[in-house]
Structures are given as C-alpha cells and as structure tokens.
PDBML (XML) file of the C-alpha atoms, coordinates in Angstrom:
<?xml version="1.0" encoding="UTF-8" ?>
<PDBx:datablock datablockName="MODEL"
   xmlns:PDBx="http://pdbml.pdb.org/schema/pdbx-v50.xsd"
   xmlns:xsi="http://www.w3.org/2001/XMLSchema-instance"
   xsi:schemaLocation="http://pdbml.pdb.org/schema/pdbx-v50.xsd pdbx-v50.xsd">
   <PDBx:atom_siteCategory>
      <PDBx:atom_site id="1">
         <PDBx:B_iso_or_equiv>0.00</PDBx:B_iso_or_equiv>
         <PDBx:Cartn_x>75.047</PDBx:Cartn_x>
         <PDBx:Cartn_y>71.160</PDBx:Cartn_y>
         <PDBx:Cartn_z>-47.783</PDBx:Cartn_z>
         <PDBx:auth_asym_id>A</PDBx:auth_asym_id>
         <PDBx:auth_atom_id>CA</PDBx:auth_atom_id>
         <PDBx:auth_comp_id>HIS</PDBx:auth_comp_id>
         <PDBx:auth_seq_id>1</PDBx:auth_seq_id>
         <PDBx:group_PDB>ATOM</PDBx:group_PDB>
         <PDBx:label_alt_id xsi:nil="true" />
         <PDBx:label_asym_id>A</PDBx:label_asym_id>
         <PDBx:label_atom_id>CA</PDBx:label_atom_id>
         <PDBx:label_comp_id>HIS</PDBx:label_comp_id>
         <PDBx:label_entity_id>1</PDBx:label_entity_id>
         <PDBx:label_seq_id>1</PDBx:label_seq_id>
         <PDBx:occupancy>1.00</PDBx:occupancy>
         <PDBx:pdbx_PDB_model_num>1</PDBx:pdbx_PDB_model_num>
         <PDBx:type_symbol>C</PDBx:type_symbol>
      </PDBx:atom_site>
      <PDBx:atom_site id="2">
         <PDBx:B_iso_or_equiv>0.00</PDBx:B_iso_or_equiv>
         <PDBx:Cartn_x>72.832</PDBx:Cartn_x>
         <PDBx:Cartn_y>68.852</PDBx:Cartn_y>
         <PDBx:Cartn_z>-45.703</PDBx:Cartn_z>
         <PDBx:auth_asym_id>A</PDBx:auth_asym_id>
         <PDBx:auth_atom_id>CA</PDBx:auth_atom_id>
         <PDBx:auth_comp_id>ARG</PDBx:auth_comp_id>
         <PDBx:auth_seq_id>2</PDBx:auth_seq_id>
         <PDBx:group_PDB>ATOM</PDBx:group_PDB>
         <PDBx:label_alt_id xsi:nil="true" />
         <PDBx:label_asym_id>A</PDBx:label_asym_id>
         <PDBx:label_atom_id>CA</PDBx:label_atom_id>
         <PDBx:label_comp_id>ARG</PDBx:label_comp_id>
         <PDBx:label_entity_id>1</PDBx:label_entity_id>
         <PDBx:label_seq_id>2</PDBx:label_seq_id>
         <PDBx:occupancy>1.00</PDBx:occupancy>
         <PDBx:pdbx_PDB_model_num>1</PDBx:pdbx_PDB_model_num>
         <PDBx:type_symbol>C</PDBx:type_symbol>
      </PDBx:atom_site>
      <PDBx:atom_site id="3">
         <PDBx:B_iso_or_equiv>0.00</PDBx:B_iso_or_equiv>
         <PDBx:Cartn_x>73.138</PDBx:Cartn_x>
         <PDBx:Cartn_y>66.270</PDBx:Cartn_y>
         <PDBx:Cartn_z>-48.479</PDBx:Cartn_z>
         <PDBx:auth_asym_id>A</PDBx:auth_asym_id>
         <PDBx:auth_atom_id>CA</PDBx:auth_atom_id>
         <PDBx:auth_comp_id>LEU</PDBx:auth_comp_id>
         <PDBx:auth_seq_id>3</PDBx:auth_seq_id>
         <PDBx:group_PDB>ATOM</PDBx:group_PDB>
         <PDBx:label_alt_id xsi:nil="true" />
         <PDBx:label_asym_id>A</PDBx:label_asym_id>
         <PDBx:label_atom_id>CA</PDBx:label_atom_id>
         <PDBx:label_comp_id>LEU</PDBx:label_comp_id>
         <PDBx:label_entity_id>1</PDBx:label_entity_id>
         <PDBx:label_seq_id>3</PDBx:label_seq_id>
         <PDBx:occupancy>1.00</PDBx:occupancy>
         <PDBx:pdbx_PDB_model_num>1</PDBx:pdbx_PDB_model_num>
         <PDBx:type_symbol>C</PDBx:type_symbol>
      </PDBx:atom_site>
      <PDBx:atom_site id="4">
         <PDBx:B_iso_or_equiv>0.00</PDBx:B_iso_or_equiv>
         <PDBx:Cartn_x>76.682</PDBx:Cartn_x>
         <PDBx:Cartn_y>65.553</PDBx:Cartn_y>
         <PDBx:Cartn_z>-47.236</PDBx:Cartn_z>
         <PDBx:auth_asym_id>A</PDBx:auth_asym_id>
         <PDBx:auth_atom_id>CA</PDBx:auth_atom_id>
         <PDBx:auth_comp_id>PHE</PDBx:auth_comp_id>
         <PDBx:auth_seq_id>4</PDBx:auth_seq_id>
         <PDBx:group_PDB>ATOM</PDBx:group_PDB>
         <PDBx:label_alt_id xsi:nil="true" />
         <PDBx:label_asym_id>A</PDBx:label_asym_id>
         <PDBx:label_atom_id>CA</PDBx:label_atom_id>
         <PDBx:label_comp_id>PHE</PDBx:label_comp_id>
         <PDBx:label_entity_id>1</PDBx:label_entity_id>
         <PDBx:label_seq_id>4</PDBx:label_seq_id>
         <PDBx:occupancy>1.00</PDBx:occupancy>
         <PDBx:pdbx_PDB_model_num>1</PDBx:pdbx_PDB_model_num>
         <PDBx:type_symbol>C</PDBx:type_symbol>
      </PDBx:atom_site>
      <PDBx:atom_site id="5">
         <PDBx:B_iso_or_equiv>0.00</PDBx:B_iso_or_equiv>
         <PDBx:Cartn_x>76.100</PDBx:Cartn_x>
         <PDBx:Cartn_y>65.683</PDBx:Cartn_y>
         <PDBx:Cartn_z>-43.464</PDBx:Cartn_z>
         <PDBx:auth_asym_id>A</PDBx:auth_asym_id>
         <PDBx:auth_atom_id>CA</PDBx:auth_atom_id>
         <PDBx:auth_comp_id>ASP</PDBx:auth_comp_id>
         <PDBx:auth_seq_id>5</PDBx:auth_seq_id>
         <PDBx:group_PDB>ATOM</PDBx:group_PDB>
         <PDBx:label_alt_id xsi:nil="true" />
         <PDBx:label_asym_id>A</PDBx:label_asym_id>
         <PDBx:label_atom_id>CA</PDBx:label_atom_id>
         <PDBx:label_comp_id>ASP</PDBx:label_comp_id>
         <PDBx:label_entity_id>1</PDBx:label_entity_id>
         <PDBx:label_seq_id>5</PDBx:label_seq_id>
         <PDBx:occupancy>1.00</PDBx:occupancy>
         <PDBx:pdbx_PDB_model_num>1</PDBx:pdbx_PDB_model_num>
         <PDBx:type_symbol>C</PDBx:type_symbol>
      </PDBx:atom_site>
      <PDBx:atom_site id="6">
         <PDBx:B_iso_or_equiv>0.00</PDBx:B_iso_or_equiv>
         <PDBx:Cartn_x>76.946</PDBx:Cartn_x>
         <PDBx:Cartn_y>61.981</PDBx:Cartn_y>
         <PDBx:Cartn_z>-43.040</PDBx:Cartn_z>
         <PDBx:auth_asym_id>A</PDBx:auth_asym_id>
         <PDBx:auth_atom_id>CA</PDBx:auth_atom_id>
         <PDBx:auth_comp_id>LYS</PDBx:auth_comp_id>
         <PDBx:auth_seq_id>6</PDBx:auth_seq_id>
         <PDBx:group_PDB>ATOM</PDBx:group_PDB>
         <PDBx:label_alt_id xsi:nil="true" />
         <PDBx:label_asym_id>A</PDBx:label_asym_id>
         <PDBx:label_atom_id>CA</PDBx:label_atom_id>
         <PDBx:label_comp_id>LYS</PDBx:label_comp_id>
         <PDBx:label_entity_id>1</PDBx:label_entity_id>
         <PDBx:label_seq_id>6</PDBx:label_seq_id>
         <PDBx:occupancy>1.00</PDBx:occupancy>
         <PDBx:pdbx_PDB_model_num>1</PDBx:pdbx_PDB_model_num>
         <PDBx:type_symbol>C</PDBx:type_symbol>
      </PDBx:atom_site>
      <PDBx:atom_site id="7">
         <PDBx:B_iso_or_equiv>0.00</PDBx:B_iso_or_equiv>
         <PDBx:Cartn_x>80.152</PDBx:Cartn_x>
         <PDBx:Cartn_y>62.429</PDBx:Cartn_y>
         <PDBx:Cartn_z>-45.028</PDBx:Cartn_z>
         <PDBx:auth_asym_id>A</PDBx:auth_asym_id>
         <PDBx:auth_atom_id>CA</PDBx:auth_atom_id>
         <PDBx:auth_comp_id>GLN</PDBx:auth_comp_id>
         <PDBx:auth_seq_id>7</PDBx:auth_seq_id>
         <PDBx:group_PDB>ATOM</PDBx:group_PDB>
         <PDBx:label_alt_id xsi:nil="true" />
         <PDBx:label_asym_id>A</PDBx:label_asym_id>
         <PDBx:label_atom_id>CA</PDBx:label_atom_id>
         <PDBx:label_comp_id>GLN</PDBx:label_comp_id>
         <PDBx:label_entity_id>1</PDBx:label_entity_id>
         <PDBx:label_seq_id>7</PDBx:label_seq_id>
         <PDBx:occupancy>1.00</PDBx:occupancy>
         <PDBx:pdbx_PDB_model_num>1</PDBx:pdbx_PDB_model_num>
         <PDBx:type_symbol>C</PDBx:type_symbol>
      </PDBx:atom_site>
      <PDBx:atom_site id="8">
         <PDBx:B_iso_or_equiv>0.00</PDBx:B_iso_or_equiv>
         <PDBx:Cartn_x>81.349</PDBx:Cartn_x>
         <PDBx:Cartn_y>65.459</PDBx:Cartn_y>
         <PDBx:Cartn_z>-43.073</PDBx:Cartn_z>
         <PDBx:auth_asym_id>A</PDBx:auth_asym_id>
         <PDBx:auth_atom_id>CA</PDBx:auth_atom_id>
         <PDBx:auth_comp_id>LEU</PDBx:auth_comp_id>
         <PDBx:auth_seq_id>8</PDBx:auth_seq_id>
         <PDBx:group_PDB>ATOM</PDBx:group_PDB>
         <PDBx:label_alt_id xsi:nil="true" />
         <PDBx:label_asym_id>A</PDBx:label_asym_id>
         <PDBx:label_atom_id>CA</PDBx:label_atom_id>
         <PDBx:label_comp_id>LEU</PDBx:label_comp_id>
         <PDBx:label_entity_id>1</PDBx:label_entity_id>
         <PDBx:label_seq_id>8</PDBx:label_seq_id>
         <PDBx:occupancy>1.00</PDBx:occupancy>
         <PDBx:pdbx_PDB_model_num>1</PDBx:pdbx_PDB_model_num>
         <PDBx:type_symbol>C</PDBx:type_symbol>
      </PDBx:atom_site>
      <PDBx:atom_site id="9">
         <PDBx:B_iso_or_equiv>0.00</PDBx:B_iso_or_equiv>
         <PDBx:Cartn_x>80.465</PDBx:Cartn_x>
         <PDBx:Cartn_y>63.863</PDBx:Cartn_y>
         <PDBx:Cartn_z>-39.730</PDBx:Cartn_z>
         <PDBx:auth_asym_id>A</PDBx:auth_asym_id>
         <PDBx:auth_atom_id>CA</PDBx:auth_atom_id>
         <PDBx:auth_comp_id>ASP</PDBx:auth_comp_id>
         <PDBx:auth_seq_id>9</PDBx:auth_seq_id>
         <PDBx:group_PDB>ATOM</PDBx:group_PDB>
         <PDBx:label_alt_id xsi:nil="true" />
         <PDBx:label_asym_id>A</PDBx:label_asym_id>
         <PDBx:label_atom_id>CA</PDBx:label_atom_id>
         <PDBx:label_comp_id>ASP</PDBx:label_comp_id>
         <PDBx:label_entity_id>1</PDBx:label_entity_id>
         <PDBx:label_seq_id>9</PDBx:label_seq_id>
         <PDBx:occupancy>1.00</PDBx:occupancy>
         <PDBx:pdbx_PDB_model_num>1</PDBx:pdbx_PDB_model_num>
         <PDBx:type_symbol>C</PDBx:type_symbol>
      </PDBx:atom_site>
      <PDBx:atom_site id="10">
         <PDBx:B_iso_or_equiv>0.00</PDBx:B_iso_or_equiv>
         <PDBx:Cartn_x>82.581</PDBx:Cartn_x>
         <PDBx:Cartn_y>60.787</PDBx:Cartn_y>
         <PDBx:Cartn_z>-40.499</PDBx:Cartn_z>
         <PDBx:auth_asym_id>A</PDBx:auth_asym_id>
         <PDBx:auth_atom_id>CA</PDBx:auth_atom_id>
         <PDBx:auth_comp_id>ALA</PDBx:auth_comp_id>
         <PDBx:auth_seq_id>10</PDBx:auth_seq_id>
         <PDBx:group_PDB>ATOM</PDBx:group_PDB>
         <PDBx:label_alt_id xsi:nil="true" />
         <PDBx:label_asym_id>A</PDBx:label_asym_id>
         <PDBx:label_atom_id>CA</PDBx:label_atom_id>
         <PDBx:label_comp_id>ALA</PDBx:label_comp_id>
         <PDBx:label_entity_id>1</PDBx:label_entity_id>
         <PDBx:label_seq_id>10</PDBx:label_seq_id>
         <PDBx:occupancy>1.00</PDBx:occupancy>
         <PDBx:pdbx_PDB_model_num>1</PDBx:pdbx_PDB_model_num>
         <PDBx:type_symbol>C</PDBx:type_symbol>
      </PDBx:atom_site>
      <PDBx:atom_site id="11">
         <PDBx:B_iso_or_equiv>0.00</PDBx:B_iso_or_equiv>
         <PDBx:Cartn_x>85.303</PDBx:Cartn_x>
         <PDBx:Cartn_y>61.986</PDBx:Cartn_y>
         <PDBx:Cartn_z>-42.859</PDBx:Cartn_z>
         <PDBx:auth_asym_id>A</PDBx:auth_asym_id>
         <PDBx:auth_atom_id>CA</PDBx:auth_atom_id>
         <PDBx:auth_comp_id>LEU</PDBx:auth_comp_id>
         <PDBx:auth_seq_id>11</PDBx:auth_seq_id>
         <PDBx:group_PDB>ATOM</PDBx:group_PDB>
         <PDBx:label_alt_id xsi:nil="true" />
         <PDBx:label_asym_id>A</PDBx:label_asym_id>
         <PDBx:label_atom_id>CA</PDBx:label_atom_id>
         <PDBx:label_comp_id>LEU</PDBx:label_comp_id>
         <PDBx:label_entity_id>1</PDBx:label_entity_id>
         <PDBx:label_seq_id>11</PDBx:label_seq_id>
         <PDBx:occupancy>1.00</PDBx:occupancy>
         <PDBx:pdbx_PDB_model_num>1</PDBx:pdbx_PDB_model_num>
         <PDBx:type_symbol>C</PDBx:type_symbol>
      </PDBx:atom_site>
      <PDBx:atom_site id="12">
         <PDBx:B_iso_or_equiv>0.00</PDBx:B_iso_or_equiv>
         <PDBx:Cartn_x>85.742</PDBx:Cartn_x>
         <PDBx:Cartn_y>65.381</PDBx:Cartn_y>
         <PDBx:Cartn_z>-41.211</PDBx:Cartn_z>
         <PDBx:auth_asym_id>A</PDBx:auth_asym_id>
         <PDBx:auth_atom_id>CA</PDBx:auth_atom_id>
         <PDBx:auth_comp_id>GLY</PDBx:auth_comp_id>
         <PDBx:auth_seq_id>12</PDBx:auth_seq_id>
         <PDBx:group_PDB>ATOM</PDBx:group_PDB>
         <PDBx:label_alt_id xsi:nil="true" />
         <PDBx:label_asym_id>A</PDBx:label_asym_id>
         <PDBx:label_atom_id>CA</PDBx:label_atom_id>
         <PDBx:label_comp_id>GLY</PDBx:label_comp_id>
         <PDBx:label_entity_id>1</PDBx:label_entity_id>
         <PDBx:label_seq_id>12</PDBx:label_seq_id>
         <PDBx:occupancy>1.00</PDBx:occupancy>
         <PDBx:pdbx_PDB_model_num>1</PDBx:pdbx_PDB_model_num>
         <PDBx:type_symbol>C</PDBx:type_symbol>
      </PDBx:atom_site>
      <PDBx:atom_site id="13">
         <PDBx:B_iso_or_equiv>0.00</PDBx:B_iso_or_equiv>
         <PDBx:Cartn_x>87.569</PDBx:Cartn_x>
         <PDBx:Cartn_y>63.614</PDBx:Cartn_y>
         <PDBx:Cartn_z>-38.391</PDBx:Cartn_z>
         <PDBx:auth_asym_id>A</PDBx:auth_asym_id>
         <PDBx:auth_atom_id>CA</PDBx:auth_atom_id>
         <PDBx:auth_comp_id>GLN</PDBx:auth_comp_id>
         <PDBx:auth_seq_id>13</PDBx:auth_seq_id>
         <PDBx:group_PDB>ATOM</PDBx:group_PDB>
         <PDBx:label_alt_id xsi:nil="true" />
         <PDBx:label_asym_id>A</PDBx:label_asym_id>
         <PDBx:label_atom_id>CA</PDBx:label_atom_id>
         <PDBx:label_comp_id>GLN</PDBx:label_comp_id>
         <PDBx:label_entity_id>1</PDBx:label_entity_id>
         <PDBx:label_seq_id>13</PDBx:label_seq_id>
         <PDBx:occupancy>1.00</PDBx:occupancy>
         <PDBx:pdbx_PDB_model_num>1</PDBx:pdbx_PDB_model_num>
         <PDBx:type_symbol>C</PDBx:type_symbol>
      </PDBx:atom_site>
      <PDBx:atom_site id="14">
         <PDBx:B_iso_or_equiv>0.00</PDBx:B_iso_or_equiv>
         <PDBx:Cartn_x>90.237</PDBx:Cartn_x>
         <PDBx:Cartn_y>62.374</PDBx:Cartn_y>
         <PDBx:Cartn_z>-40.821</PDBx:Cartn_z>
         <PDBx:auth_asym_id>A</PDBx:auth_asym_id>
         <PDBx:auth_atom_id>CA</PDBx:auth_atom_id>
         <PDBx:auth_comp_id>ARG</PDBx:auth_comp_id>
         <PDBx:auth_seq_id>14</PDBx:auth_seq_id>
         <PDBx:group_PDB>ATOM</PDBx:group_PDB>
         <PDBx:label_alt_id xsi:nil="true" />
         <PDBx:label_asym_id>A</PDBx:label_asym_id>
         <PDBx:label_atom_id>CA</PDBx:label_atom_id>
         <PDBx:label_comp_id>ARG</PDBx:label_comp_id>
         <PDBx:label_entity_id>1</PDBx:label_entity_id>
         <PDBx:label_seq_id>14</PDBx:label_seq_id>
         <PDBx:occupancy>1.00</PDBx:occupancy>
         <PDBx:pdbx_PDB_model_num>1</PDBx:pdbx_PDB_model_num>
         <PDBx:type_symbol>C</PDBx:type_symbol>
      </PDBx:atom_site>
      <PDBx:atom_site id="15">
         <PDBx:B_iso_or_equiv>0.00</PDBx:B_iso_or_equiv>
         <PDBx:Cartn_x>90.393</PDBx:Cartn_x>
         <PDBx:Cartn_y>65.017</PDBx:Cartn_y>
         <PDBx:Cartn_z>-43.543</PDBx:Cartn_z>
         <PDBx:auth_asym_id>A</PDBx:auth_asym_id>
         <PDBx:auth_atom_id>CA</PDBx:auth_atom_id>
         <PDBx:auth_comp_id>PHE</PDBx:auth_comp_id>
         <PDBx:auth_seq_id>15</PDBx:auth_seq_id>
         <PDBx:group_PDB>ATOM</PDBx:group_PDB>
         <PDBx:label_alt_id xsi:nil="true" />
         <PDBx:label_asym_id>A</PDBx:label_asym_id>
         <PDBx:label_atom_id>CA</PDBx:label_atom_id>
         <PDBx:label_comp_id>PHE</PDBx:label_comp_id>
         <PDBx:label_entity_id>1</PDBx:label_entity_id>
         <PDBx:label_seq_id>15</PDBx:label_seq_id>
         <PDBx:occupancy>1.00</PDBx:occupancy>
         <PDBx:pdbx_PDB_model_num>1</PDBx:pdbx_PDB_model_num>
         <PDBx:type_symbol>C</PDBx:type_symbol>
      </PDBx:atom_site>
      <PDBx:atom_site id="16">
         <PDBx:B_iso_or_equiv>0.00</PDBx:B_iso_or_equiv>
         <PDBx:Cartn_x>89.859</PDBx:Cartn_x>
         <PDBx:Cartn_y>68.741</PDBx:Cartn_y>
         <PDBx:Cartn_z>-43.932</PDBx:Cartn_z>
         <PDBx:auth_asym_id>A</PDBx:auth_asym_id>
         <PDBx:auth_atom_id>CA</PDBx:auth_atom_id>
         <PDBx:auth_comp_id>SER</PDBx:auth_comp_id>
         <PDBx:auth_seq_id>16</PDBx:auth_seq_id>
         <PDBx:group_PDB>ATOM</PDBx:group_PDB>
         <PDBx:label_alt_id xsi:nil="true" />
         <PDBx:label_asym_id>A</PDBx:label_asym_id>
         <PDBx:label_atom_id>CA</PDBx:label_atom_id>
         <PDBx:label_comp_id>SER</PDBx:label_comp_id>
         <PDBx:label_entity_id>1</PDBx:label_entity_id>
         <PDBx:label_seq_id>16</PDBx:label_seq_id>
         <PDBx:occupancy>1.00</PDBx:occupancy>
         <PDBx:pdbx_PDB_model_num>1</PDBx:pdbx_PDB_model_num>
         <PDBx:type_symbol>C</PDBx:type_symbol>
      </PDBx:atom_site>
      <PDBx:atom_site id="17">
         <PDBx:B_iso_or_equiv>0.00</PDBx:B_iso_or_equiv>
         <PDBx:Cartn_x>86.500</PDBx:Cartn_x>
         <PDBx:Cartn_y>69.299</PDBx:Cartn_y>
         <PDBx:Cartn_z>-45.639</PDBx:Cartn_z>
         <PDBx:auth_asym_id>A</PDBx:auth_asym_id>
         <PDBx:auth_atom_id>CA</PDBx:auth_atom_id>
         <PDBx:auth_comp_id>CYS</PDBx:auth_comp_id>
         <PDBx:auth_seq_id>17</PDBx:auth_seq_id>
         <PDBx:group_PDB>ATOM</PDBx:group_PDB>
         <PDBx:label_alt_id xsi:nil="true" />
         <PDBx:label_asym_id>A</PDBx:label_asym_id>
         <PDBx:label_atom_id>CA</PDBx:label_atom_id>
         <PDBx:label_comp_id>CYS</PDBx:label_comp_id>
         <PDBx:label_entity_id>1</PDBx:label_entity_id>
         <PDBx:label_seq_id>17</PDBx:label_seq_id>
         <PDBx:occupancy>1.00</PDBx:occupancy>
         <PDBx:pdbx_PDB_model_num>1</PDBx:pdbx_PDB_model_num>
         <PDBx:type_symbol>C</PDBx:type_symbol>
      </PDBx:atom_site>
      <PDBx:atom_site id="18">
         <PDBx:B_iso_or_equiv>0.00</PDBx:B_iso_or_equiv>
         <PDBx:Cartn_x>84.567</PDBx:Cartn_x>
         <PDBx:Cartn_y>72.011</PDBx:Cartn_y>
         <PDBx:Cartn_z>-47.436</PDBx:Cartn_z>
         <PDBx:auth_asym_id>A</PDBx:auth_asym_id>
         <PDBx:auth_atom_id>CA</PDBx:auth_atom_id>
         <PDBx:auth_comp_id>LEU</PDBx:auth_comp_id>
         <PDBx:auth_seq_id>18</PDBx:auth_seq_id>
         <PDBx:group_PDB>ATOM</PDBx:group_PDB>
         <PDBx:label_alt_id xsi:nil="true" />
         <PDBx:label_asym_id>A</PDBx:label_asym_id>
         <PDBx:label_atom_id>CA</PDBx:label_atom_id>
         <PDBx:label_comp_id>LEU</PDBx:label_comp_id>
         <PDBx:label_entity_id>1</PDBx:label_entity_id>
         <PDBx:label_seq_id>18</PDBx:label_seq_id>
         <PDBx:occupancy>1.00</PDBx:occupancy>
         <PDBx:pdbx_PDB_model_num>1</PDBx:pdbx_PDB_model_num>
         <PDBx:type_symbol>C</PDBx:type_symbol>
      </PDBx:atom_site>
      <PDBx:atom_site id="19">
         <PDBx:B_iso_or_equiv>0.00</PDBx:B_iso_or_equiv>
         <PDBx:Cartn_x>80.923</PDBx:Cartn_x>
         <PDBx:Cartn_y>71.936</PDBx:Cartn_y>
         <PDBx:Cartn_z>-48.517</PDBx:Cartn_z>
         <PDBx:auth_asym_id>A</PDBx:auth_asym_id>
         <PDBx:auth_atom_id>CA</PDBx:auth_atom_id>
         <PDBx:auth_comp_id>VAL</PDBx:auth_comp_id>
         <PDBx:auth_seq_id>19</PDBx:auth_seq_id>
         <PDBx:group_PDB>ATOM</PDBx:group_PDB>
         <PDBx:label_alt_id xsi:nil="true" />
         <PDBx:label_asym_id>A</PDBx:label_asym_id>
         <PDBx:label_atom_id>CA</PDBx:label_atom_id>
         <PDBx:label_comp_id>VAL</PDBx:label_comp_id>
         <PDBx:label_entity_id>1</PDBx:label_entity_id>
         <PDBx:label_seq_id>19</PDBx:label_seq_id>
         <PDBx:occupancy>1.00</PDBx:occupancy>
         <PDBx:pdbx_PDB_model_num>1</PDBx:pdbx_PDB_model_num>
         <PDBx:type_symbol>C</PDBx:type_symbol>
      </PDBx:atom_site>
      <PDBx:atom_site id="20">
         <PDBx:B_iso_or_equiv>0.00</PDBx:B_iso_or_equiv>
         <PDBx:Cartn_x>78.845</PDBx:Cartn_x>
         <PDBx:Cartn_y>74.719</PDBx:Cartn_y>
         <PDBx:Cartn_z>-50.039</PDBx:Cartn_z>
         <PDBx:auth_asym_id>A</PDBx:auth_asym_id>
         <PDBx:auth_atom_id>CA</PDBx:auth_atom_id>
         <PDBx:auth_comp_id>TRP</PDBx:auth_comp_id>
         <PDBx:auth_seq_id>20</PDBx:auth_seq_id>
         <PDBx:group_PDB>ATOM</PDBx:group_PDB>
         <PDBx:label_alt_id xsi:nil="true" />
         <PDBx:label_asym_id>A</PDBx:label_asym_id>
         <PDBx:label_atom_id>CA</PDBx:label_atom_id>
         <PDBx:label_comp_id>TRP</PDBx:label_comp_id>
         <PDBx:label_entity_id>1</PDBx:label_entity_id>
         <PDBx:label_seq_id>20</PDBx:label_seq_id>
         <PDBx:occupancy>1.00</PDBx:occupancy>
         <PDBx:pdbx_PDB_model_num>1</PDBx:pdbx_PDB_model_num>
         <PDBx:type_symbol>C</PDBx:type_symbol>
      </PDBx:atom_site>
      <PDBx:atom_site id="21">
         <PDBx:B_iso_or_equiv>0.00</PDBx:B_iso_or_equiv>
         <PDBx:Cartn_x>75.310</PDBx:Cartn_x>
         <PDBx:Cartn_y>75.741</PDBx:Cartn_y>
         <PDBx:Cartn_z>-50.734</PDBx:Cartn_z>
         <PDBx:auth_asym_id>A</PDBx:auth_asym_id>
         <PDBx:auth_atom_id>CA</PDBx:auth_atom_id>
         <PDBx:auth_comp_id>ASP</PDBx:auth_comp_id>
         <PDBx:auth_seq_id>21</PDBx:auth_seq_id>
         <PDBx:group_PDB>ATOM</PDBx:group_PDB>
         <PDBx:label_alt_id xsi:nil="true" />
         <PDBx:label_asym_id>A</PDBx:label_asym_id>
         <PDBx:label_atom_id>CA</PDBx:label_atom_id>
         <PDBx:label_comp_id>ASP</PDBx:label_comp_id>
         <PDBx:label_entity_id>1</PDBx:label_entity_id>
         <PDBx:label_seq_id>21</PDBx:label_seq_id>
         <PDBx:occupancy>1.00</PDBx:occupancy>
         <PDBx:pdbx_PDB_model_num>1</PDBx:pdbx_PDB_model_num>
         <PDBx:type_symbol>C</PDBx:type_symbol>
      </PDBx:atom_site>
      <PDBx:atom_site id="22">
         <PDBx:B_iso_or_equiv>0.00</PDBx:B_iso_or_equiv>
         <PDBx:Cartn_x>75.600</PDBx:Cartn_x>
         <PDBx:Cartn_y>76.439</PDBx:Cartn_y>
         <PDBx:Cartn_z>-54.454</PDBx:Cartn_z>
         <PDBx:auth_asym_id>A</PDBx:auth_asym_id>
         <PDBx:auth_atom_id>CA</PDBx:auth_atom_id>
         <PDBx:auth_comp_id>ALA</PDBx:auth_comp_id>
         <PDBx:auth_seq_id>22</PDBx:auth_seq_id>
         <PDBx:group_PDB>ATOM</PDBx:group_PDB>
         <PDBx:label_alt_id xsi:nil="true" />
         <PDBx:label_asym_id>A</PDBx:label_asym_id>
         <PDBx:label_atom_id>CA</PDBx:label_atom_id>
         <PDBx:label_comp_id>ALA</PDBx:label_comp_id>
         <PDBx:label_entity_id>1</PDBx:label_entity_id>
         <PDBx:label_seq_id>22</PDBx:label_seq_id>
         <PDBx:occupancy>1.00</PDBx:occupancy>
         <PDBx:pdbx_PDB_model_num>1</PDBx:pdbx_PDB_model_num>
         <PDBx:type_symbol>C</PDBx:type_symbol>
      </PDBx:atom_site>
      <PDBx:atom_site id="23">
         <PDBx:B_iso_or_equiv>0.00</PDBx:B_iso_or_equiv>
         <PDBx:Cartn_x>74.222</PDBx:Cartn_x>
         <PDBx:Cartn_y>79.781</PDBx:Cartn_y>
         <PDBx:Cartn_z>-55.710</PDBx:Cartn_z>
         <PDBx:auth_asym_id>A</PDBx:auth_asym_id>
         <PDBx:auth_atom_id>CA</PDBx:auth_atom_id>
         <PDBx:auth_comp_id>PRO</PDBx:auth_comp_id>
         <PDBx:auth_seq_id>23</PDBx:auth_seq_id>
         <PDBx:group_PDB>ATOM</PDBx:group_PDB>
         <PDBx:label_alt_id xsi:nil="true" />
         <PDBx:label_asym_id>A</PDBx:label_asym_id>
         <PDBx:label_atom_id>CA</PDBx:label_atom_id>
         <PDBx:label_comp_id>PRO</PDBx:label_comp_id>
         <PDBx:label_entity_id>1</PDBx:label_entity_id>
         <PDBx:label_seq_id>23</PDBx:label_seq_id>
         <PDBx:occupancy>1.00</PDBx:occupancy>
         <PDBx:pdbx_PDB_model_num>1</PDBx:pdbx_PDB_model_num>
         <PDBx:type_symbol>C</PDBx:type_symbol>
      </PDBx:atom_site>
      <PDBx:atom_site id="24">
         <PDBx:B_iso_or_equiv>0.00</PDBx:B_iso_or_equiv>
         <PDBx:Cartn_x>70.434</PDBx:Cartn_x>
         <PDBx:Cartn_y>79.802</PDBx:Cartn_y>
         <PDBx:Cartn_z>-55.430</PDBx:Cartn_z>
         <PDBx:auth_asym_id>A</PDBx:auth_asym_id>
         <PDBx:auth_atom_id>CA</PDBx:auth_atom_id>
         <PDBx:auth_comp_id>GLY</PDBx:auth_comp_id>
         <PDBx:auth_seq_id>24</PDBx:auth_seq_id>
         <PDBx:group_PDB>ATOM</PDBx:group_PDB>
         <PDBx:label_alt_id xsi:nil="true" />
         <PDBx:label_asym_id>A</PDBx:label_asym_id>
         <PDBx:label_atom_id>CA</PDBx:label_atom_id>
         <PDBx:label_comp_id>GLY</PDBx:label_comp_id>
         <PDBx:label_entity_id>1</PDBx:label_entity_id>
         <PDBx:label_seq_id>24</PDBx:label_seq_id>
         <PDBx:occupancy>1.00</PDBx:occupancy>
         <PDBx:pdbx_PDB_model_num>1</PDBx:pdbx_PDB_model_num>
         <PDBx:type_symbol>C</PDBx:type_symbol>
      </PDBx:atom_site>
      <PDBx:atom_site id="25">
         <PDBx:B_iso_or_equiv>0.00</PDBx:B_iso_or_equiv>
         <PDBx:Cartn_x>70.440</PDBx:Cartn_x>
         <PDBx:Cartn_y>76.847</PDBx:Cartn_y>
         <PDBx:Cartn_z>-53.015</PDBx:Cartn_z>
         <PDBx:auth_asym_id>A</PDBx:auth_asym_id>
         <PDBx:auth_atom_id>CA</PDBx:auth_atom_id>
         <PDBx:auth_comp_id>HIS</PDBx:auth_comp_id>
         <PDBx:auth_seq_id>25</PDBx:auth_seq_id>
         <PDBx:group_PDB>ATOM</PDBx:group_PDB>
         <PDBx:label_alt_id xsi:nil="true" />
         <PDBx:label_asym_id>A</PDBx:label_asym_id>
         <PDBx:label_atom_id>CA</PDBx:label_atom_id>
         <PDBx:label_comp_id>HIS</PDBx:label_comp_id>
         <PDBx:label_entity_id>1</PDBx:label_entity_id>
         <PDBx:label_seq_id>25</PDBx:label_seq_id>
         <PDBx:occupancy>1.00</PDBx:occupancy>
         <PDBx:pdbx_PDB_model_num>1</PDBx:pdbx_PDB_model_num>
         <PDBx:type_symbol>C</PDBx:type_symbol>
      </PDBx:atom_site>
   </PDBx:atom_siteCategory>
</PDBx:datablock>
C-alpha cells in the first residue's frame, strides 16, 4: 500500500479511497 501513499495523501482529501496489501504482500 505504501506505493500509493502520495496518491492517498493528496486525493484522499477529495475522494473516498481504498488501498490494499494484496495477498502475500
């Protein structure tokens, strides 16, 4: 999920967001 930290930090203020750690990750 850390791959998208910059996206969630910025876009999470405007949109609802979900990110996962895929199985095994």
